[in-house]
Amino acid sequence: MKQSEQIGIFYTVFAYIVWGLLPIYWKFLGHVSADEILANRIFWSFWFMLLVLLFGKKWNMFFVSLKMLKQQPKTFLALATASVLVSCNWFIYIWAVNAEKMVEASLGYYINPLISVLLGVIVLKEKMSIAQIISFFLALTGVLILTIAYGQFPWVAFGVAITFGIYGLVKKMVKVDSGIGLTLETMFLMPLAFIYILFQFLNGQTALFSTSLSTDLLLMGSGAATAIPLLYFAKGVIRIPLYLAGFIQYIAPTLMLILGVIIYKEPFEATQIIAFSFIWGALILFTFSAVKVSNYNRKQRKKIRTAS
């Protein structure tokens, strides 16, 4: 295995482990409302990313990107849309963790790859393989079982999956440096986040600078907690094959599921086990199909290089 690929695996695994363990971080902020956590997450992420760009000597690239947004309204609109989508995803996720719905949130990240495939078919006119079609219907069966068992649609899981799935689609269509892209995304909503924090502070309703030092540090640190795994993921995923990234991505929801069931004692009953089994089966079939396609494409490229 090449050294670059080994580094890529380390970066990507690290990112997903952090994402999987982040619920512990949000649990420490369980006394703070989800909307205030979101506002702080956006606000401090922006300033943290500016520091990253400063120390990474990417200021010039950042200002070039700002000028590009003026000249390309479609790119501006795409990044603004990405900003709203990722913020919605963060809000649902934070709310779910502190509302003791961590298991359902983990389900959302399990079905996210299948949502991404469906979006690719609908928006990008990609074709689904037989394995992907079977995977989709297996996952759909699992969701239907949960819906019937809950007596209501698992909106948390689908809210997480759909917002992140569409966010990934938008990011795929916009070619911007990962660090600069995240800075621009948080920049769009940072003024609104600041106004919200200021309004809450003036009305004596904010937890920031009025509860405890630990709360202040956690809220301000939410920017770094948000940006660091995203940056490591971006650095890692470009160094490893797509199918390997597909395997690694299940670390995060698996850790979330373990935390929810074992640490925070959320219910995980027989019906949920059956439903998750359908979804896990869909993911196994989906992943092995992706591995097979990736290996076939690699062999074909090798044949072409050898022939030439």
C-alpha atoms as a PDB file:
ATOM      1  CA  MET A   1       0.000   0.000   0.000  1.00  0.00           C
ATOM      2  CA  LYS A   2       1.355   3.434  -0.973  1.00  0.00           C
ATOM      3  CA  GLN A   3       2.314   5.821   1.807  1.00  0.00           C
ATOM      4  CA  SER A   4      -0.149   8.396   0.420  1.00  0.00           C
ATOM      5  CA  GLU A   5      -2.994   5.862   0.690  1.00  0.00           C
ATOM      6  CA  GLN A   6      -1.989   4.927   4.253  1.00  0.00           C
ATOM      7  CA  ILE A   7      -2.082   8.608   5.228  1.00  0.00           C
ATOM      8  CA  GLY A   8      -5.436   8.944   3.480  1.00  0.00           C
ATOM      9  CA  ILE A   9      -6.872   6.022   5.451  1.00  0.00           C
ATOM     10  CA  PHE A  10      -5.618   7.539   8.722  1.00  0.00           C
ATOM     11  CA  TYR A  11      -7.135  10.966   7.923  1.00  0.00           C
ATOM     12  CA  THR A  12     -10.479   9.510   6.822  1.00  0.00           C
ATOM     13  CA  VAL A  13     -10.784   7.091   9.758  1.00  0.00           C
ATOM     14  CA  PHE A  14      -9.909   9.926  12.154  1.00  0.00           C
ATOM     15  CA  ALA A  15     -12.629  12.138  10.636  1.00  0.00           C
ATOM     16  CA  TYR A  16     -15.317   9.467  10.959  1.00  0.00           C
ATOM     17  CA  ILE A  17     -14.281   8.541  14.510  1.00  0.00           C
ATOM     18  CA  VAL A  18     -14.601  12.210  15.516  1.00  0.00           C
ATOM     19  CA  TRP A  19     -18.022  12.414  13.837  1.00  0.00           C
ATOM     20  CA  GLY A  20     -19.093   9.219  15.588  1.00  0.00           C
ATOM     21  CA  LEU A  21     -18.038  10.531  19.004  1.00  0.00           C
ATOM     22  CA  LEU A  22     -19.351  14.093  18.578  1.00  0.00           C
ATOM     23  CA  PRO A  23     -22.690  13.211  20.251  1.00  0.00           C
ATOM     24  CA  ILE A  24     -20.747  13.132  23.546  1.00  0.00           C
ATOM     25  CA  TYR A  25     -19.739  16.753  22.882  1.00  0.00           C
ATOM     26  CA  TRP A  26     -23.336  17.828  22.188  1.00  0.00           C
ATOM     27  CA  LYS A  27     -24.568  15.947  25.253  1.00  0.00           C
ATOM     28  CA  PHE A  28     -22.361  18.226  27.394  1.00  0.00           C
ATOM     29  CA  LEU A  29     -24.415  21.076  25.897  1.00  0.00           C
ATOM     30  CA  GLY A  30     -27.733  19.370  26.606  1.00  0.00           C
ATOM     31  CA  HIS A  31     -28.820  22.362  28.737  1.00  0.00           C
ATOM     32  CA  VAL A  32     -28.474  24.679  25.727  1.00  0.00           C
ATOM     33  CA  SER A  33     -31.203  24.853  23.063  1.00  0.00           C
ATOM     34  CA  ALA A  34     -30.444  23.295  19.670  1.00  0.00           C
ATOM     35  CA  ASP A  35     -30.949  26.611  17.859  1.00  0.00           C
ATOM     36  CA  GLU A  36     -28.406  28.394  20.071  1.00  0.00           C
ATOM     37  CA  ILE A  37     -25.881  25.580  19.614  1.00  0.00           C
ATOM     38  CA  LEU A  38     -26.398  25.820  15.838  1.00  0.00           C
ATOM     39  CA  ALA A  39     -25.909  29.596  15.836  1.00  0.00           C
ATOM     40  CA  ASN A  40     -22.661  29.247  17.797  1.00  0.00           C
ATOM     41  CA  ARG A  41     -21.529  26.363  15.596  1.00  0.00           C
ATOM     42  CA  ILE A  42     -21.921  28.502  12.468  1.00  0.00           C
ATOM     43  CA  PHE A  43     -20.442  31.657  14.028  1.00  0.00           C
ATOM     44  CA  TRP A  44     -17.324  30.058  15.546  1.00  0.00           C
ATOM     45  CA  SER A  45     -16.772  27.744  12.556  1.00  0.00           C
ATOM     46  CA  PHE A  46     -16.394  30.799  10.328  1.00  0.00           C
ATOM     47  CA  TRP A  47     -13.748  32.411  12.535  1.00  0.00           C
ATOM     48  CA  PHE A  48     -11.932  29.122  13.057  1.00  0.00           C
ATOM     49  CA  MET A  49     -11.804  28.586   9.277  1.00  0.00           C
ATOM     50  CA  LEU A  50     -10.412  32.089   8.759  1.00  0.00           C
ATOM     51  CA  LEU A  51      -7.551  31.153  11.110  1.00  0.00           C
ATOM     52  CA  VAL A  52      -7.036  27.903   9.177  1.00  0.00           C
ATOM     53  CA  LEU A  53      -6.805  29.846   5.903  1.00  0.00           C
ATOM     54  CA  LEU A  54      -4.429  32.366   7.495  1.00  0.00           C
ATOM     55  CA  PHE A  55      -2.015  29.726   8.802  1.00  0.00           C
ATOM     56  CA  GLY A  56      -2.448  27.657   5.635  1.00  0.00           C
ATOM     57  CA  LYS A  57      -1.487  30.704   3.542  1.00  0.00           C
ATOM     58  CA  LYS A  58      -4.692  30.516   1.509  1.00  0.00           C
ATOM     59  CA  TRP A  59      -5.825  34.119   1.926  1.00  0.00           C
ATOM     60  CA  ASN A  60      -5.189  34.938  -1.725  1.00  0.00           C
ATOM     61  CA  MET A  61      -7.175  31.880  -2.848  1.00  0.00           C
ATOM     62  CA  PHE A  62     -10.011  32.932  -0.539  1.00  0.00           C
ATOM     63  CA  PHE A  63     -10.241  36.433  -2.019  1.00  0.00           C
ATOM     64  CA  VAL A  64     -10.010  35.022  -5.546  1.00  0.00           C
ATOM     65  CA  SER A  65     -12.947  32.758  -4.684  1.00  0.00           C
ATOM     66  CA  LEU A  66     -14.913  35.744  -3.369  1.00  0.00           C
ATOM     67  CA  LYS A  67     -14.372  37.567  -6.658  1.00  0.00           C
ATOM     68  CA  MET A  68     -15.400  34.412  -8.521  1.00  0.00           C
ATOM     69  CA  LEU A  69     -18.729  34.384  -6.659  1.00  0.00           C
ATOM     70  CA  LYS A  70     -19.495  37.877  -7.985  1.00  0.00           C
ATOM     71  CA  GLN A  71     -18.841  36.731 -11.542  1.00  0.00           C
ATOM     72  CA  GLN A  72     -20.604  33.369 -11.251  1.00  0.00           C
ATOM     73  CA  PRO A  73     -24.095  33.770  -9.709  1.00  0.00           C
ATOM     74  CA  LYS A  74     -24.827  30.030 -10.123  1.00  0.00           C
ATOM     75  CA  THR A  75     -21.812  29.129  -7.976  1.00  0.00           C
ATOM     76  CA  PHE A  76     -22.884  31.744  -5.428  1.00  0.00           C
ATOM     77  CA  LEU A  77     -26.391  30.252  -5.309  1.00  0.00           C
ATOM     78  CA  ALA A  78     -25.013  26.693  -5.061  1.00  0.00           C
ATOM     79  CA  LEU A  79     -22.753  27.536  -2.107  1.00  0.00           C
ATOM     80  CA  ALA A  80     -25.560  29.464  -0.398  1.00  0.00           C
ATOM     81  CA  THR A  81     -27.807  26.415  -0.844  1.00  0.00           C
ATOM     82  CA  ALA A  82     -25.056  24.168   0.548  1.00  0.00           C
ATOM     83  CA  SER A  83     -24.792  26.500   3.543  1.00  0.00           C
ATOM     84  CA  VAL A  84     -28.514  26.224   4.316  1.00  0.00           C
ATOM     85  CA  LEU A  85     -28.534  22.440   3.809  1.00  0.00           C
ATOM     86  CA  VAL A  86     -25.561  21.705   6.067  1.00  0.00           C
ATOM     87  CA  SER A  87     -26.995  24.038   8.726  1.00  0.00           C
ATOM     88  CA  CYS A  88     -30.318  22.164   8.619  1.00  0.00           C
ATOM     89  CA  ASN A  89     -28.389  18.896   8.902  1.00  0.00           C
ATOM     90  CA  TRP A  90     -26.462  20.190  11.933  1.00  0.00           C
ATOM     91  CA  PHE A  91     -29.663  21.390  13.615  1.00  0.00           C
ATOM     92  CA  ILE A  92     -31.533  18.094  13.166  1.00  0.00           C
ATOM     93  CA  TYR A  93     -28.492  16.135  14.347  1.00  0.00           C
ATOM     94  CA  ILE A  94     -27.911  18.279  17.465  1.00  0.00           C
ATOM     95  CA  TRP A  95     -31.606  18.271  18.331  1.00  0.00           C
ATOM     96  CA  ALA A  96     -31.808  14.473  17.886  1.00  0.00           C
ATOM     97  CA  VAL A  97     -28.799  13.826  20.127  1.00  0.00           C
ATOM     98  CA  ASN A  98     -30.159  15.946  22.981  1.00  0.00           C
ATOM     99  CA  ALA A  99     -33.731  14.663  22.480  1.00  0.00           C
ATOM    100  CA  GLU A 100     -32.486  11.068  23.008  1.00  0.00           C
ATOM    101  CA  LYS A 101     -32.989  10.122  19.360  1.00  0.00           C
ATOM    102  CA  MET A 102     -29.369   9.212  18.671  1.00  0.00           C
ATOM    103  CA  VAL A 103     -30.323   5.764  17.347  1.00  0.00           C
ATOM    104  CA  GLU A 104     -32.666   7.321  14.785  1.00  0.00           C
ATOM    105  CA  ALA A 105     -29.997   9.864  13.802  1.00  0.00           C
ATOM    106  CA  SER A 106     -27.514   7.017  13.235  1.00  0.00           C
ATOM    107  CA  LEU A 107     -30.098   5.386  10.964  1.00  0.00           C
ATOM    108  CA  GLY A 108     -30.055   8.569   8.875  1.00  0.00           C
ATOM    109  CA  TYR A 109     -26.326   8.290   8.273  1.00  0.00           C
ATOM    110  CA  TYR A 110     -26.671   4.594   7.420  1.00  0.00           C
ATOM    111  CA  ILE A 111     -29.235   5.285   4.688  1.00  0.00           C
ATOM    112  CA  ASN A 112     -27.435   8.398   3.433  1.00  0.00           C
ATOM    113  CA  PRO A 113     -25.357   6.484   0.790  1.00  0.00           C
ATOM    114  CA  LEU A 114     -28.551   5.033  -0.659  1.00  0.00           C
ATOM    115  CA  ILE A 115     -30.184   8.474  -0.734  1.00  0.00           C
ATOM    116  CA  SER A 116     -27.097   9.747  -2.579  1.00  0.00           C
ATOM    117  CA  VAL A 117     -27.487   6.997  -5.196  1.00  0.00           C
ATOM    118  CA  LEU A 118     -31.168   7.889  -5.655  1.00  0.00           C
ATOM    119  CA  LEU A 119     -30.310  11.579  -6.051  1.00  0.00           C
ATOM    120  CA  GLY A 120     -27.670  10.630  -8.627  1.00  0.00           C
ATOM    121  CA  VAL A 121     -30.319   8.774 -10.627  1.00  0.00           C
ATOM    122  CA  ILE A 122     -32.898  11.575 -10.405  1.00  0.00           C
ATOM    123  CA  VAL A 123     -30.652  14.628 -10.822  1.00  0.00           C
ATOM    124  CA  LEU A 124     -27.544  13.398 -12.647  1.00  0.00           C
ATOM    125  CA  LYS A 125     -29.381  10.728 -14.686  1.00  0.00           C
ATOM    126  CA  GLU A 126     -27.009   8.016 -13.462  1.00  0.00           C
ATOM    127  CA  LYS A 127     -27.992   4.379 -13.945  1.00  0.00           C
ATOM    128  CA  MET A 128     -28.527   2.043 -11.000  1.00  0.00           C
ATOM    129  CA  SER A 129     -27.054  -1.451 -11.093  1.00  0.00           C
ATOM    130  CA  ILE A 130     -29.182  -4.465 -10.136  1.00  0.00           C
ATOM    131  CA  ALA A 131     -27.343  -4.648  -6.787  1.00  0.00           C
ATOM    132  CA  GLN A 132     -28.127  -0.980  -6.098  1.00  0.00           C
ATOM    133  CA  ILE A 133     -31.808  -1.484  -6.941  1.00  0.00           C
ATOM    134  CA  ILE A 134     -32.029  -4.473  -4.560  1.00  0.00           C
ATOM    135  CA  SER A 135     -30.154  -2.451  -1.891  1.00  0.00           C
ATOM    136  CA  PHE A 136     -32.610   0.406  -2.248  1.00  0.00           C
ATOM    137  CA  PHE A 137     -35.654  -1.826  -1.763  1.00  0.00           C
ATOM    138  CA  LEU A 138     -34.049  -3.635   1.194  1.00  0.00           C
ATOM    139  CA  ALA A 139     -33.456  -0.274   2.872  1.00  0.00           C
ATOM    140  CA  LEU A 140     -36.985   0.841   1.990  1.00  0.00           C
ATOM    141  CA  THR A 141     -38.340  -2.301   3.692  1.00  0.00           C
ATOM    142  CA  GLY A 142     -36.372  -1.444   6.844  1.00  0.00           C
ATOM    143  CA  VAL A 143     -37.734   2.116   6.850  1.00  0.00           C
ATOM    144  CA  LEU A 144     -41.312   0.876   6.352  1.00  0.00           C
ATOM    145  CA  ILE A 145     -40.903  -1.504   9.315  1.00  0.00           C
ATOM    146  CA  LEU A 146     -39.718   1.397  11.487  1.00  0.00           C
ATOM    147  CA  THR A 147     -42.544   3.632  10.269  1.00  0.00           C
ATOM    148  CA  ILE A 148     -45.166   1.011  11.152  1.00  0.00           C
ATOM    149  CA  ALA A 149     -43.502   0.283  14.523  1.00  0.00           C
ATOM    150  CA  TYR A 150     -43.202   3.973  15.462  1.00  0.00           C
ATOM    151  CA  GLY A 151     -46.667   4.783  14.165  1.00  0.00           C
ATOM    152  CA  GLN A 152     -45.058   7.747  12.432  1.00  0.00           C
ATOM    153  CA  PHE A 153     -42.507   8.440   9.723  1.00  0.00           C
ATOM    154  CA  PRO A 154     -38.866   8.451  11.024  1.00  0.00           C
ATOM    155  CA  TRP A 155     -38.432  12.086  10.024  1.00  0.00           C
ATOM    156  CA  VAL A 156     -35.218  12.558  12.037  1.00  0.00           C
ATOM    157  CA  ALA A 157     -33.453   9.791  10.096  1.00  0.00           C
ATOM    158  CA  PHE A 158     -34.700  11.039   6.753  1.00  0.00           C
ATOM    159  CA  GLY A 159     -34.067  14.684   7.655  1.00  0.00           C
ATOM    160  CA  VAL A 160     -30.431  13.815   8.412  1.00  0.00           C
ATOM    161  CA  ALA A 161     -30.044  11.637   5.298  1.00  0.00           C
ATOM    162  CA  ILE A 162     -31.757  13.930   2.787  1.00  0.00           C
ATOM    163  CA  THR A 163     -30.117  17.193   3.913  1.00  0.00           C
ATOM    164  CA  PHE A 164     -26.646  15.614   3.892  1.00  0.00           C
ATOM    165  CA  GLY A 165     -27.361  13.752   0.634  1.00  0.00           C
ATOM    166  CA  ILE A 166     -28.418  16.917  -1.216  1.00  0.00           C
ATOM    167  CA  TYR A 167     -25.520  18.802   0.401  1.00  0.00           C
ATOM    168  CA  GLY A 168     -23.119  16.202  -1.016  1.00  0.00           C
ATOM    169  CA  LEU A 169     -24.757  16.512  -4.441  1.00  0.00           C
ATOM    170  CA  VAL A 170     -24.365  20.299  -4.440  1.00  0.00           C
ATOM    171  CA  LYS A 171     -20.728  20.004  -3.310  1.00  0.00           C
ATOM    172  CA  LYS A 172     -20.088  17.489  -6.088  1.00  0.00           C
ATOM    173  CA  MET A 173     -21.337  20.002  -8.663  1.00  0.00           C
ATOM    174  CA  VAL A 174     -19.262  22.920  -7.301  1.00  0.00           C
ATOM    175  CA  LYS A 175     -15.486  22.654  -7.585  1.00  0.00           C
ATOM    176  CA  VAL A 176     -14.017  24.706  -4.728  1.00  0.00           C
ATOM    177  CA  ASP A 177     -11.112  23.988  -2.349  1.00  0.00           C
ATOM    178  CA  SER A 178     -12.542  22.187   0.698  1.00  0.00           C
ATOM    179  CA  GLY A 179     -11.250  24.691   3.282  1.00  0.00           C
ATOM    180  CA  ILE A 180     -12.324  27.709   1.263  1.00  0.00           C
ATOM    181  CA  GLY A 181     -15.679  26.070   0.511  1.00  0.00           C
ATOM    182  CA  LEU A 182     -16.418  25.519   4.209  1.00  0.00           C
ATOM    183  CA  THR A 183     -15.355  29.111   4.997  1.00  0.00           C
ATOM    184  CA  LEU A 184     -17.697  30.460   2.317  1.00  0.00           C
ATOM    185  CA  GLU A 185     -20.564  28.242   3.473  1.00  0.00           C
ATOM    186  CA  THR A 186     -20.311  29.430   7.076  1.00  0.00           C
ATOM    187  CA  MET A 187     -19.790  33.029   5.864  1.00  0.00           C
ATOM    188  CA  PHE A 188     -23.248  33.096   4.253  1.00  0.00           C
ATOM    189  CA  LEU A 189     -25.094  32.401   7.511  1.00  0.00           C
ATOM    190  CA  MET A 190     -22.586  33.874   9.976  1.00  0.00           C
ATOM    191  CA  PRO A 191     -24.262  37.332  10.079  1.00  0.00           C
ATOM    192  CA  LEU A 192     -27.637  35.729  10.878  1.00  0.00           C
ATOM    193  CA  ALA A 193     -26.008  33.557  13.535  1.00  0.00           C
ATOM    194  CA  PHE A 194     -24.355  36.647  15.078  1.00  0.00           C
ATOM    195  CA  ILE A 195     -27.638  38.594  15.092  1.00  0.00           C
ATOM    196  CA  TYR A 196     -29.369  35.651  16.781  1.00  0.00           C
ATOM    197  CA  ILE A 197     -26.652  35.338  19.457  1.00  0.00           C
ATOM    198  CA  LEU A 198     -26.672  39.119  20.052  1.00  0.00           C
ATOM    199  CA  PHE A 199     -30.475  39.255  20.279  1.00  0.00           C
ATOM    200  CA  GLN A 200     -30.540  36.364  22.766  1.00  0.00           C
ATOM    201  CA  PHE A 201     -27.737  37.975  24.795  1.00  0.00           C
ATOM    202  CA  LEU A 202     -29.477  41.388  24.997  1.00  0.00           C
ATOM    203  CA  ASN A 203     -32.663  39.668  26.150  1.00  0.00           C
ATOM    204  CA  GLY A 204     -30.821  37.627  28.769  1.00  0.00           C
ATOM    205  CA  GLN A 205     -31.759  34.355  27.076  1.00  0.00           C
ATOM    206  CA  THR A 206     -28.370  33.156  25.871  1.00  0.00           C
ATOM    207  CA  ALA A 207     -26.209  30.510  27.514  1.00  0.00           C
ATOM    208  CA  LEU A 208     -23.037  32.053  26.047  1.00  0.00           C
ATOM    209  CA  PHE A 209     -21.173  34.245  28.594  1.00  0.00           C
ATOM    210  CA  SER A 210     -24.003  33.882  31.119  1.00  0.00           C
ATOM    211  CA  THR A 211     -24.033  30.261  32.317  1.00  0.00           C
ATOM    212  CA  SER A 212     -20.561  28.880  33.083  1.00  0.00           C
ATOM    213  CA  LEU A 213     -17.015  28.956  31.748  1.00  0.00           C
ATOM    214  CA  SER A 214     -17.291  25.339  30.598  1.00  0.00           C
ATOM    215  CA  THR A 215     -20.419  26.176  28.574  1.00  0.00           C
ATOM    216  CA  ASP A 216     -18.656  29.175  26.991  1.00  0.00           C
ATOM    217  CA  LEU A 217     -15.642  27.059  26.021  1.00  0.00           C
ATOM    218  CA  LEU A 218     -17.825  24.276  24.606  1.00  0.00           C
ATOM    219  CA  LEU A 219     -19.901  26.702  22.523  1.00  0.00           C
ATOM    220  CA  MET A 220     -16.820  28.497  21.196  1.00  0.00           C
ATOM    221  CA  GLY A 221     -15.086  25.165  20.614  1.00  0.00           C
ATOM    222  CA  SER A 222     -18.006  23.945  18.500  1.00  0.00           C
ATOM    223  CA  GLY A 223     -16.401  25.730  15.542  1.00  0.00           C
ATOM    224  CA  ALA A 224     -13.246  23.640  15.774  1.00  0.00           C
ATOM    225  CA  ALA A 225     -15.288  20.491  16.527  1.00  0.00           C
ATOM    226  CA  THR A 226     -17.181  21.114  13.290  1.00  0.00           C
ATOM    227  CA  ALA A 227     -14.314  22.103  11.024  1.00  0.00           C
ATOM    228  CA  ILE A 228     -11.528  19.673  12.038  1.00  0.00           C
ATOM    229  CA  PRO A 229     -13.212  16.395  10.946  1.00  0.00           C
ATOM    230  CA  LEU A 230     -14.436  18.043   7.721  1.00  0.00           C
ATOM    231  CA  LEU A 231     -10.893  19.168   6.898  1.00  0.00           C
ATOM    232  CA  TYR A 232      -9.339  15.775   7.690  1.00  0.00           C
ATOM    233  CA  PHE A 233     -12.048  14.041   5.652  1.00  0.00           C
ATOM    234  CA  ALA A 234     -11.305  16.274   2.665  1.00  0.00           C
ATOM    235  CA  LYS A 235      -7.559  15.600   3.001  1.00  0.00           C
ATOM    236  CA  GLY A 236      -8.079  11.855   3.346  1.00  0.00           C
ATOM    237  CA  VAL A 237     -10.761  11.022   0.800  1.00  0.00           C
ATOM    238  CA  ILE A 238      -8.706  12.325  -2.150  1.00  0.00           C
ATOM    239  CA  ARG A 239      -5.916   9.842  -1.293  1.00  0.00           C
ATOM    240  CA  ILE A 240      -7.969   6.631  -1.103  1.00  0.00           C
ATOM    241  CA  PRO A 241     -10.213   4.656  -3.490  1.00  0.00           C
ATOM    242  CA  LEU A 242     -13.917   5.498  -3.394  1.00  0.00           C
ATOM    243  CA  TYR A 243     -14.960   2.001  -2.282  1.00  0.00           C
ATOM    244  CA  LEU A 244     -12.585   2.220   0.702  1.00  0.00           C
ATOM    245  CA  ALA A 245     -14.114   5.546   1.701  1.00  0.00           C
ATOM    246  CA  GLY A 246     -17.476   3.783   1.450  1.00  0.00           C
ATOM    247  CA  PHE A 247     -16.399   1.162   3.991  1.00  0.00           C
ATOM    248  CA  ILE A 248     -14.921   3.715   6.357  1.00  0.00           C
ATOM    249  CA  GLN A 249     -18.008   5.967   6.381  1.00  0.00           C
ATOM    250  CA  TYR A 250     -19.972   3.409   8.435  1.00  0.00           C
ATOM    251  CA  ILE A 251     -17.664   4.026  11.423  1.00  0.00           C
ATOM    252  CA  ALA A 252     -19.567   7.180  12.405  1.00  0.00           C
ATOM    253  CA  PRO A 253     -23.165   5.852  12.524  1.00  0.00           C
ATOM    254  CA  THR A 254     -21.949   2.625  14.156  1.00  0.00           C
ATOM    255  CA  LEU A 255     -20.274   4.596  16.955  1.00  0.00           C
ATOM    256  CA  MET A 256     -23.407   6.745  17.274  1.00  0.00           C
ATOM    257  CA  LEU A 257     -25.568   3.626  17.529  1.00  0.00           C
ATOM    258  CA  ILE A 258     -23.283   2.108  20.197  1.00  0.00           C
ATOM    259  CA  LEU A 259     -23.294   5.355  22.182  1.00  0.00           C
ATOM    260  CA  GLY A 260     -27.074   5.661  21.949  1.00  0.00           C
ATOM    261  CA  VAL A 261     -27.829   2.086  23.025  1.00  0.00           C
ATOM    262  CA  ILE A 262     -25.028   1.263  25.478  1.00  0.00           C
ATOM    263  CA  ILE A 263     -23.958   4.593  26.976  1.00  0.00           C
ATOM    264  CA  TYR A 264     -27.154   6.668  26.848  1.00  0.00           C
ATOM    265  CA  LYS A 265     -29.575   3.708  27.227  1.00  0.00           C
ATOM    266  CA  GLU A 266     -31.826   4.585  24.298  1.00  0.00           C
ATOM    267  CA  PRO A 267     -34.312   1.811  23.412  1.00  0.00           C
ATOM    268  CA  PHE A 268     -33.244  -0.660  20.715  1.00  0.00           C
ATOM    269  CA  GLU A 269     -36.009  -3.212  20.574  1.00  0.00           C
ATOM    270  CA  ALA A 270     -36.669  -6.263  18.395  1.00  0.00           C
ATOM    271  CA  THR A 271     -38.519  -4.270  15.727  1.00  0.00           C
ATOM    272  CA  GLN A 272     -35.625  -1.815  15.407  1.00  0.00           C
ATOM    273  CA  ILE A 273     -33.129  -4.679  15.197  1.00  0.00           C
ATOM    274  CA  ILE A 274     -35.125  -6.237  12.331  1.00  0.00           C
ATOM    275  CA  ALA A 275     -35.411  -2.882  10.525  1.00  0.00           C
ATOM    276  CA  PHE A 276     -31.708  -2.110  10.967  1.00  0.00           C
ATOM    277  CA  SER A 277     -30.878  -5.631   9.731  1.00  0.00           C
ATOM    278  CA  PHE A 278     -32.604  -4.881   6.417  1.00  0.00           C
ATOM    279  CA  ILE A 279     -30.673  -1.613   6.126  1.00  0.00           C
ATOM    280  CA  TRP A 280     -27.346  -3.224   7.099  1.00  0.00           C
ATOM    281  CA  GLY A 281     -28.013  -5.940   4.489  1.00  0.00           C
ATOM    282  CA  ALA A 282     -28.665  -3.243   1.906  1.00  0.00           C
ATOM    283  CA  LEU A 283     -25.390  -1.510   2.818  1.00  0.00           C
ATOM    284  CA  ILE A 284     -23.367  -4.737   2.654  1.00  0.00           C
ATOM    285  CA  LEU A 285     -24.764  -5.525  -0.813  1.00  0.00           C
ATOM    286  CA  PHE A 286     -24.283  -1.906  -1.906  1.00  0.00           C
ATOM    287  CA  THR A 287     -20.677  -1.765  -0.651  1.00  0.00           C
ATOM    288  CA  PHE A 288     -19.573  -5.094  -2.154  1.00  0.00           C
ATOM    289  CA  SER A 289     -21.132  -4.058  -5.454  1.00  0.00           C
ATOM    290  CA  ALA A 290     -19.112  -0.815  -5.330  1.00  0.00           C
ATOM    291  CA  VAL A 291     -15.925  -2.788  -4.554  1.00  0.00           C
ATOM    292  CA  LYS A 292     -16.556  -5.090  -7.514  1.00  0.00           C
ATOM    293  CA  VAL A 293     -17.128  -2.173  -9.898  1.00  0.00           C
ATOM    294  CA  SER A 294     -14.055  -0.345  -8.579  1.00  0.00           C
ATOM    295  CA  ASN A 295     -11.834  -3.442  -9.001  1.00  0.00           C
ATOM    296  CA  TYR A 296     -13.163  -4.011 -12.520  1.00  0.00           C
ATOM    297  CA  ASN A 297     -12.487  -0.383 -13.510  1.00  0.00           C
ATOM    298  CA  ARG A 298      -8.980  -0.559 -12.027  1.00  0.00           C
ATOM    299  CA  LYS A 299      -8.194  -3.725 -14.021  1.00  0.00           C
ATOM    300  CA  GLN A 300      -9.505  -2.100 -17.182  1.00  0.00           C
ATOM    301  CA  ARG A 301      -7.307   0.950 -16.657  1.00  0.00           C
ATOM    302  CA  LYS A 302      -4.322  -1.330 -16.007  1.00  0.00           C
ATOM    303  CA  LYS A 303      -4.988  -3.209 -19.270  1.00  0.00           C
ATOM    304  CA  ILE A 304      -5.157   0.074 -21.169  1.00  0.00           C
ATOM    305  CA  ARG A 305      -1.860   1.277 -19.664  1.00  0.00           C
ATOM    306  CA  THR A 306      -0.208  -2.080 -20.419  1.00  0.00           C
ATOM    307  CA  ALA A 307      -1.468  -2.062 -24.014  1.00  0.00           C
ATOM    308  CA  SER A 308      -0.219   1.447 -24.564  1.00  0.00           C
END
